[in-house]
Protein backbone atom coordinates (compact mmCIF):
# COMPACT_ATOMS: atom_id res chain seq x y z
CA MET A 1 -13.91 97.22 378.96
CA VAL A 2 -10.60 99.02 379.43
CA ASN A 3 -8.20 99.19 376.54
CA SER A 4 -4.99 97.69 377.92
CA LEU A 5 -2.94 99.27 375.10
CA ALA A 6 -3.87 102.82 376.07
CA GLY A 7 -0.96 104.87 377.31
CA PRO A 8 0.76 108.21 377.00
CA TRP A 9 1.98 107.25 373.53
CA MET A 10 -1.54 106.56 372.27
CA PRO A 11 -3.92 109.47 371.50
CA THR A 12 -7.25 109.42 373.28
CA SER A 13 -10.56 110.51 371.85
CA THR A 14 -10.39 113.80 373.77
CA GLU A 15 -7.12 114.95 372.14
CA THR A 16 -7.30 117.60 369.41
CA PRO A 17 -6.28 116.08 366.07
CA LEU A 18 -3.40 117.78 364.27
CA LEU A 19 -3.83 118.97 360.72
CA ARG A 20 -1.41 117.93 358.00
CA ARG A 21 1.55 120.16 357.13
CA GLY A 22 0.78 119.79 353.46
CA PRO A 23 1.71 122.16 350.62
CA LEU A 24 -1.24 124.46 351.23
CA LEU A 25 -0.38 124.92 354.90
CA VAL A 26 3.28 125.48 354.07
CA SER A 27 2.42 128.04 351.36
CA SER A 28 -0.01 129.83 353.66
CA PHE A 29 2.61 129.89 356.41
CA VAL A 30 5.16 131.47 354.04
CA ALA A 31 2.61 133.96 352.68
CA ALA A 32 1.61 135.06 356.19
CA LEU A 33 5.21 135.55 357.31
CA GLY A 34 6.11 137.38 354.09
CA GLY A 35 3.04 139.59 354.30
CA ALA A 36 3.95 140.53 357.87
CA ALA A 37 7.65 141.03 357.12
CA ILE A 38 7.02 143.61 354.38
CA PRO A 39 5.52 146.26 356.69
CA ALA A 40 7.78 145.15 359.55
CA VAL A 41 10.97 146.16 357.71
CA THR A 42 9.52 149.66 357.17
CA LEU A 43 8.99 150.34 360.88
CA PRO A 44 12.06 152.63 361.31
CA PRO A 45 11.04 155.12 358.58
CA LEU A 46 7.39 154.77 359.57
CA TRP A 47 8.30 155.59 363.18
CA ARG A 48 9.99 158.78 362.02
CA MET A 49 6.92 159.63 359.93
CA TRP A 50 4.14 158.85 362.44
CA GLN A 51 4.69 156.88 365.63
CA LEU A 52 1.05 155.79 366.05
CA HIS A 53 1.01 154.03 362.68
CA ALA A 54 4.37 152.43 363.46
CA MET A 55 3.07 151.05 366.77
CA VAL A 56 -0.07 149.64 365.12
CA PHE A 57 1.92 148.02 362.29
CA GLY A 58 4.50 146.67 364.71
CA LEU A 59 1.82 145.16 366.95
CA LEU A 60 0.02 143.54 364.02
CA ALA A 61 3.29 142.09 362.71
CA LEU A 62 4.19 140.70 366.14
CA ILE A 63 0.75 139.15 366.67
CA GLU A 64 0.78 137.49 363.27
CA THR A 65 4.32 136.18 363.67
CA VAL A 66 3.43 134.58 367.01
CA ALA A 67 0.20 133.18 365.58
CA VAL A 68 1.77 131.56 362.51
CA VAL A 69 4.68 130.13 364.51
CA ALA A 70 2.13 128.63 366.93
CA LEU A 71 0.08 127.10 364.12
CA TRP A 72 3.21 125.64 362.55
CA SER A 73 4.36 124.05 365.79
CA ARG A 74 0.88 122.66 366.52
CA PRO A 75 -1.45 122.90 363.51
CA THR A 76 -4.89 122.40 365.03
CA ARG A 77 -8.07 123.92 363.66
CA ARG A 78 -7.98 126.52 366.42
CA THR A 79 -4.41 127.67 365.81
CA VAL A 80 -4.96 127.70 362.05
CA LEU A 81 -8.08 129.86 362.41
CA ILE A 82 -6.21 132.23 364.73
CA GLY A 83 -3.49 132.51 362.09
CA ALA A 84 -6.11 133.24 359.43
CA ALA A 85 -7.62 135.96 361.63
CA SER A 86 -4.23 137.61 362.20
CA ALA A 87 -3.62 137.67 358.43
CA GLY A 88 -7.13 138.96 357.85
CA ALA A 89 -6.46 141.88 360.18
CA TRP A 90 -3.85 143.17 357.70
CA VAL A 91 -6.37 142.92 354.85
CA VAL A 92 -8.88 144.94 356.89
CA VAL A 93 -6.28 147.61 357.72
CA TRP A 94 -5.20 147.86 354.07
CA LEU A 95 -8.79 148.16 352.85
CA ALA A 96 -9.54 150.79 355.49
CA GLY A 97 -6.60 152.86 354.23
CA ARG A 98 -6.52 152.26 350.48
CA GLY A 99 -10.20 151.60 349.83
CA LEU A 100 -11.96 153.82 352.36
CA GLY A 101 -9.26 156.36 353.22
CA LYS A 102 -9.92 155.96 356.94
CA LEU A 103 -6.27 155.91 358.07
CA GLY A 104 -5.69 159.54 357.10
CA ASP A 105 -2.42 161.19 356.20
CA PRO A 106 0.40 160.37 356.07
CA ASP A 107 -0.04 157.12 354.20
CA PRO A 108 1.45 154.40 356.48
CA TRP A 109 2.24 152.20 353.46
CA GLN A 110 4.39 154.88 351.79
CA PRO A 111 7.75 153.65 353.20
CA ALA A 112 7.06 150.20 351.71
CA ASP A 113 6.32 151.74 348.30
CA ALA A 114 9.55 153.75 348.07
CA VAL A 115 11.16 151.74 345.23
CA PHE A 116 8.10 149.88 343.87
CA GLY A 117 4.76 151.63 344.05
CA GLY A 118 2.85 148.36 344.35
CA THR A 119 4.70 146.78 347.29
CA ASP A 120 1.73 147.26 349.62
CA TYR A 121 -0.51 145.51 347.08
CA LEU A 122 1.97 142.62 347.13
CA ALA A 123 1.84 142.52 350.93
CA VAL A 124 -1.94 142.43 351.11
CA GLY A 125 -2.03 139.87 348.30
CA LEU A 126 0.17 137.55 350.36
CA GLN A 127 -2.10 138.05 353.36
CA ALA A 128 -5.16 137.24 351.25
CA VAL A 129 -3.47 134.02 350.09
CA ALA A 130 -2.70 133.18 353.71
CA VAL A 131 -6.31 133.78 354.81
CA LEU A 132 -7.82 131.70 352.02
CA GLY A 133 -5.27 128.90 352.34
CA LEU A 134 -5.58 128.62 356.12
CA LEU A 135 -9.38 128.57 355.96
CA ILE A 136 -9.20 125.71 353.46
CA VAL A 137 -6.72 123.86 355.68
CA ALA A 138 -8.96 124.35 358.74
CA THR A 139 -11.86 122.61 356.98
CA GLY A 140 -9.71 119.74 355.69
CA ASP A 141 -9.50 116.13 356.81
CA PRO A 142 -6.82 115.67 359.51
CA ARG A 143 -6.35 112.00 358.64
CA PRO A 144 -3.11 111.11 356.79
CA PRO A 145 -3.69 110.81 353.04
CA SER A 146 -2.58 107.97 350.87
CA ILE A 147 0.85 108.15 349.28
CA ALA A 148 -0.71 108.88 345.90
CA LYS A 149 -2.76 111.78 347.25
CA TRP A 150 0.23 113.16 349.18
CA VAL A 151 2.41 113.15 346.04
CA ALA A 152 -0.38 114.66 343.95
CA SER A 153 -0.97 117.45 346.48
CA TRP A 154 2.70 118.45 346.39
CA ILE A 155 2.82 118.35 342.60
CA VAL A 156 -0.17 120.70 342.46
CA GLY A 157 0.82 122.86 345.43
CA PHE A 158 4.56 123.26 344.83
CA PRO A 159 4.18 126.11 342.27
CA LEU A 160 2.12 128.09 344.82
CA LEU A 161 4.90 127.65 347.37
CA ILE A 162 7.50 128.93 344.90
CA VAL A 163 5.33 131.95 344.04
CA THR A 164 4.78 132.86 347.70
CA LEU A 165 8.49 132.49 348.46
CA ALA A 166 9.43 134.67 345.49
CA ALA A 167 6.76 137.27 346.26
CA SER A 168 7.80 137.44 349.91
CA ALA A 169 11.47 137.86 349.04
CA ALA A 170 10.73 140.49 346.40
CA GLY A 171 8.39 142.39 348.71
CA VAL A 172 10.81 142.49 351.64
CA THR A 173 13.69 143.49 349.35
CA ALA A 174 11.66 146.31 347.78
CA ALA A 175 10.21 147.54 351.08
CA SER A 176 13.69 147.79 352.62
CA ASP A 177 15.57 148.77 349.40
CA GLY A 178 17.86 145.80 349.89
CA PHE A 179 17.87 146.28 353.70
CA THR A 180 19.47 149.71 353.32
CA GLY A 181 16.32 151.49 354.44
CA THR A 182 13.77 153.69 352.70
CA GLY A 183 12.43 157.16 353.30
CA VAL A 184 14.26 159.98 355.05
CA PRO A 185 17.05 158.34 357.12
CA GLY A 186 17.58 159.02 360.78
CA ASP A 187 20.84 160.86 360.10
CA ALA A 188 19.26 163.32 357.64
CA VAL A 189 20.45 166.89 358.00
CA ILE A 190 18.86 170.29 357.49
CA ALA A 191 19.50 172.34 354.37
CA SER A 192 22.68 174.21 355.25
CA ALA A 193 26.34 174.36 354.27
CA LEU A 194 26.95 170.65 353.68
CA PRO A 195 30.35 168.91 353.83
CA ALA A 196 32.29 169.11 350.58
CA GLY A 197 33.00 165.88 348.74
CA ARG A 198 30.29 163.93 350.58
CA MET A 199 26.70 162.87 350.16
CA SER A 200 24.16 164.19 352.65
CA THR A 201 20.42 163.49 352.81
CA VAL A 202 17.81 166.15 353.48
CA GLU A 203 14.03 166.19 353.52
CA TYR A 204 12.93 168.34 350.60
CA CYS A 205 9.12 168.24 350.81
CA ARG A 206 6.32 166.64 352.80
CA PRO A 207 3.26 166.15 350.54
CA GLU A 208 0.25 164.82 352.45
CA GLY A 209 2.48 164.31 355.47
CA VAL A 210 4.95 162.01 353.65
CA PRO A 211 8.60 163.13 354.10
CA LEU A 212 10.54 162.85 350.85
CA PRO A 213 14.35 162.46 350.83
CA MET A 214 16.91 164.13 348.60
CA ASP A 215 20.54 162.99 348.41
CA LEU A 216 22.86 165.94 347.82
CA HIS A 217 26.22 164.95 346.35
CA MET A 218 28.54 167.90 346.94
CA PRO A 219 31.68 168.64 344.90
CA ALA A 220 34.98 168.09 346.67
CA VAL A 221 36.25 171.53 345.78
CA ARG A 222 33.95 174.48 346.26
CA ASP A 223 34.28 177.42 343.92
CA THR A 224 33.78 180.97 345.07
CA ARG A 225 30.73 181.07 342.82
CA ARG A 226 27.55 179.22 343.65
CA ALA A 227 27.48 175.75 342.14
CA PRO A 228 25.13 174.64 339.36
CA VAL A 229 22.74 171.79 340.21
CA VAL A 230 21.79 168.65 338.34
CA LEU A 231 18.47 167.37 339.69
CA TYR A 232 18.35 163.63 339.04
CA VAL A 233 14.80 162.32 338.68
CA HIS A 234 15.06 158.54 338.31
CA GLY A 235 13.17 156.61 335.66
CA GLY A 236 10.90 153.59 336.04
CA GLU A 237 7.67 154.71 334.31
CA PHE A 238 6.44 156.35 337.56
CA VAL A 239 6.30 152.91 339.26
CA LEU A 240 9.87 151.73 339.96
CA GLY A 241 13.19 153.08 341.16
CA GLY A 242 14.88 155.07 343.87
CA ARG A 243 17.26 157.95 344.43
CA LYS A 244 20.28 155.95 345.61
CA ALA A 245 23.34 155.27 343.48
CA ALA A 246 23.30 151.55 344.36
CA GLY A 247 20.87 148.90 345.56
CA PRO A 248 17.57 147.47 344.27
CA GLY A 249 16.01 150.90 343.72
CA ALA A 250 18.99 152.03 341.64
CA TRP A 251 18.92 148.78 339.64
CA LEU A 252 15.21 149.15 338.92
CA ALA A 253 15.69 152.75 337.84
CA GLY A 254 18.81 152.06 335.78
CA THR A 255 20.73 154.68 337.74
CA ASP A 256 24.32 155.21 336.69
CA GLY A 257 25.76 156.10 340.06
CA ALA A 258 29.24 156.61 338.63
CA LEU A 259 27.99 159.67 336.76
CA PHE A 260 27.23 161.35 340.08
CA LYS A 261 30.96 161.37 340.80
CA GLU A 262 31.77 162.59 337.30
CA LEU A 263 29.46 165.55 337.73
CA THR A 264 30.63 166.49 341.22
CA ALA A 265 34.24 166.29 339.99
CA ARG A 266 33.32 169.03 337.52
CA GLY A 267 31.85 171.28 340.19
CA PHE A 268 28.17 170.31 339.93
CA VAL A 269 25.95 169.56 342.89
CA VAL A 270 23.87 166.44 342.15
CA ALA A 271 20.49 166.31 343.86
CA SER A 272 18.87 162.87 343.58
CA ILE A 273 15.31 162.48 344.85
CA ASP A 274 12.75 159.89 345.80
CA TYR A 275 9.23 160.77 344.76
CA ARG A 276 5.95 159.04 345.48
CA LEU A 277 5.37 156.13 343.12
CA ALA A 278 2.26 154.86 341.40
CA PRO A 279 -0.11 153.10 341.88
CA ALA A 280 0.15 153.92 345.60
CA ALA A 281 0.32 157.62 344.70
CA PRO A 282 -1.63 158.27 341.48
CA TRP A 283 -0.47 160.69 338.81
CA PRO A 284 0.39 163.60 338.98
CA ALA A 285 2.00 163.05 342.40
CA GLN A 286 5.29 162.17 340.70
CA LEU A 287 5.49 165.46 338.81
CA THR A 288 4.28 167.62 341.71
CA ASP A 289 6.97 166.06 343.92
CA ALA A 290 9.70 166.71 341.34
CA LYS A 291 8.59 170.31 340.95
CA CYS A 292 8.60 170.71 344.72
CA ALA A 293 12.24 169.54 344.68
CA VAL A 294 13.11 172.34 342.27
CA ARG A 295 11.39 174.90 344.51
CA PHE A 296 13.21 173.49 347.55
CA LEU A 297 16.58 173.96 345.89
CA LYS A 298 15.75 177.54 344.96
CA ALA A 299 14.37 178.36 348.41
CA HIS A 300 17.53 177.01 350.11
CA ALA A 301 20.02 178.10 347.45
CA GLY A 302 21.87 180.43 349.81
CA ALA A 303 22.24 177.84 352.57
CA LEU A 304 23.31 175.13 350.14
CA GLY A 305 25.63 177.35 348.14
CA VAL A 306 23.92 176.59 344.81
CA ASP A 307 22.88 178.85 341.97
CA PRO A 308 19.06 178.95 341.70
CA ALA A 309 19.34 180.15 338.10
CA ARG A 310 21.38 177.11 337.03
CA ILE A 311 19.28 174.06 337.91
CA GLY A 312 18.94 171.37 335.26
CA ALA A 313 16.86 168.18 335.26
CA TRP A 314 18.24 164.77 334.34
CA GLY A 315 16.33 161.51 334.01
CA GLY A 316 13.60 159.90 331.94
CA SER A 317 10.22 161.21 330.87
CA LEU A 318 9.72 162.93 334.22
CA ALA A 319 12.81 165.06 333.58
CA ALA A 320 11.33 166.02 330.20
CA LEU A 321 8.10 167.00 331.92
CA LEU A 322 10.00 169.27 334.30
CA GLY A 323 11.20 171.15 331.26
CA THR A 324 7.94 171.12 329.30
CA ALA A 325 4.81 170.85 331.47
CA PRO A 326 3.55 174.10 332.99
CA GLY A 327 1.68 174.16 336.27
CA PHE A 328 1.54 171.18 338.65
CA ASP A 329 2.88 173.41 341.43
CA GLU A 330 1.47 172.15 344.70
CA GLY A 331 2.73 172.11 348.25
CA GLN A 332 5.62 173.90 349.88
CA TYR A 333 7.63 176.94 348.74
CA PRO A 334 4.84 178.53 346.68
CA GLY A 335 6.90 181.69 346.22
CA GLN A 336 9.51 179.87 344.15
CA SER A 337 9.39 178.94 340.48
CA SER A 338 9.66 175.27 339.50
CA SER A 339 11.19 176.00 336.11
CA VAL A 340 14.54 174.44 335.20
CA ARG A 341 17.30 175.87 333.02
CA ALA A 342 17.87 172.71 330.93
CA ALA A 343 16.83 169.06 330.73
CA ILE A 344 18.74 165.89 329.88
CA VAL A 345 16.45 162.99 329.00
CA THR A 346 17.68 159.40 328.72
CA SER A 347 15.47 156.84 326.95
CA GLY A 348 12.17 158.43 327.88
CA LEU A 349 8.81 157.76 326.30
CA ALA A 350 7.24 160.69 324.50
CA ASP A 351 3.60 159.56 324.43
CA TYR A 352 2.17 157.23 327.07
CA SER A 353 -1.11 156.95 325.19
CA ARG A 354 0.63 154.93 322.46
CA LEU A 355 1.61 151.47 323.73
CA ASP A 356 1.79 149.48 320.49
CA GLY A 357 5.23 147.99 320.03
CA LEU A 358 6.41 148.40 323.62
CA ASP A 359 7.96 145.38 325.31
CA ARG A 360 5.75 143.57 327.80
CA VAL A 361 7.51 144.87 330.91
CA LYS A 362 7.29 148.52 329.89
CA ARG A 363 3.68 148.12 328.80
CA ALA A 364 2.79 146.48 332.11
CA LEU A 365 4.44 149.32 334.03
CA VAL A 366 2.47 151.91 332.10
CA HIS A 367 -0.78 150.06 332.81
CA ILE A 368 0.12 149.85 336.51
CA GLY A 369 1.25 153.44 336.87
CA LEU A 370 -1.10 155.42 334.66
CA ASP A 371 -4.82 155.06 334.03
CA PRO A 372 -5.99 155.86 330.49
CA GLU A 373 -7.06 159.40 331.41
CA ALA A 374 -3.65 160.22 332.92
CA ARG A 375 -1.48 158.92 330.06
CA ARG A 376 -1.96 161.94 327.86
CA ALA A 377 -1.23 164.34 330.71
CA ALA A 378 1.95 162.37 331.56
CA SER A 379 3.24 162.53 327.97
CA PRO A 380 5.91 165.16 327.19
CA VAL A 381 4.55 165.60 323.63
CA THR A 382 1.36 166.99 325.13
CA TYR A 383 3.19 170.17 326.10
CA GLY A 384 6.25 170.72 323.90
CA VAL A 385 9.19 172.90 324.84
CA THR A 386 8.35 176.51 325.64
CA GLY A 387 10.85 179.31 325.23
CA ALA A 388 14.49 178.47 324.63
CA LEU A 389 14.92 175.56 327.04
CA PRO A 390 18.00 173.50 326.05
CA LEU A 391 16.94 169.85 325.80
CA LEU A 392 19.44 167.02 325.36
CA ILE A 393 17.84 163.69 324.38
CA GLN A 394 19.87 160.49 324.72
CA GLN A 395 18.39 157.32 323.24
CA GLY A 396 20.09 153.95 323.18
CA VAL A 397 18.88 150.79 321.45
CA PRO A 398 15.35 151.45 320.14
CA VAL A 399 12.80 149.88 322.48
CA THR A 400 9.79 151.96 321.54
CA PRO A 401 7.47 151.97 318.55
CA ALA A 402 8.50 154.25 315.72
CA GLY A 403 8.22 157.82 316.84
CA ASN A 404 7.35 157.10 320.49
CA ASP A 405 10.73 157.91 321.93
CA LEU A 406 11.77 161.48 322.52
CA ILE A 407 14.17 161.52 319.58
CA GLY A 408 11.49 160.25 317.21
CA SER A 409 9.09 162.86 318.62
CA ALA A 410 11.58 165.72 318.65
CA ALA A 411 9.77 167.64 315.93
CA THR A 412 6.50 167.52 317.85
CA LEU A 413 8.19 168.20 321.16
CA LEU A 414 10.10 171.21 319.91
CA GLY A 415 7.16 172.56 317.95
């Protein structure tokens, strides 16, 4: 018997049923797009670092974007499983690099980790959410739920959607440093006589194949003598921050960009650096990078017009370590000393092995950036000040347990 009501507006038994665009599918869709967008915004610096990695990341991002758009426009089991596979490919690539070390140097995730050392973990976490969510959706019932079940599913699933939206936005913002770009920019110059009164970016070192940028803020008026240098090493407990005077990285590091101008107005050259951040680059990468910056300045002192005997460090605990911790000299310019003439430390911790009394954010950053074995080595009090190094310690409102800021530990630090 032929169904007289059958027509183009009525589905037949051979048509593929569409899955519901419920909260889990929506959250998985957002997580997949966010997880793909994080490495996608780092393609320009990654291309300058290693073109093969940039092509692989770009291809994976394009495939996943097409796949998730297709599953959103027609959410069948097949399109949903293809979307899950495209998200899973990112998880495999991340595990091959981070877990097994099969991607080699340079680390292709480094541009994403320029202002937050865990941005790549955020990206792969979003992809894992997308894989799990899409697999659950693919095994679900395509039939429309009751009103009660539909409302209940959104009540339960809405927080996940908010978290994936927030994580995606935070990850993309961090990976792009507020869409201003990370890593060594395309207009970076070589170390030479730089324009007076301007900021120029140079590559100062390349540890494990990763190019590291240094912003050189030159004084407007050049003296006949070589200029002294203030090397700014941003704070952030080895996990957060960036070299720039403005943007998300500067906000995370608490950088006072106005002070750059104050210093250059007084004839100083200000050198502000990015260094590799934890946990993507474990300790002591942060200190070895900062020491390499000192050696770079000394090796190129003549070309830059700076005085290699008058280089001071300014920043948090890492600046204190430049003035106190011997050794940690790895990489380029081995013929140069990494010692500094003075150190200015603003609100730095003295002992990372003592966490009692710290606020939750600072404690979490220490746990993320330093494993228990590294905390003692990353503490300025471990070394103390050798010789007659001038050390200026600035401490604002107390945020550390008694004695665990550099002022409270001055007696130990100074011996």
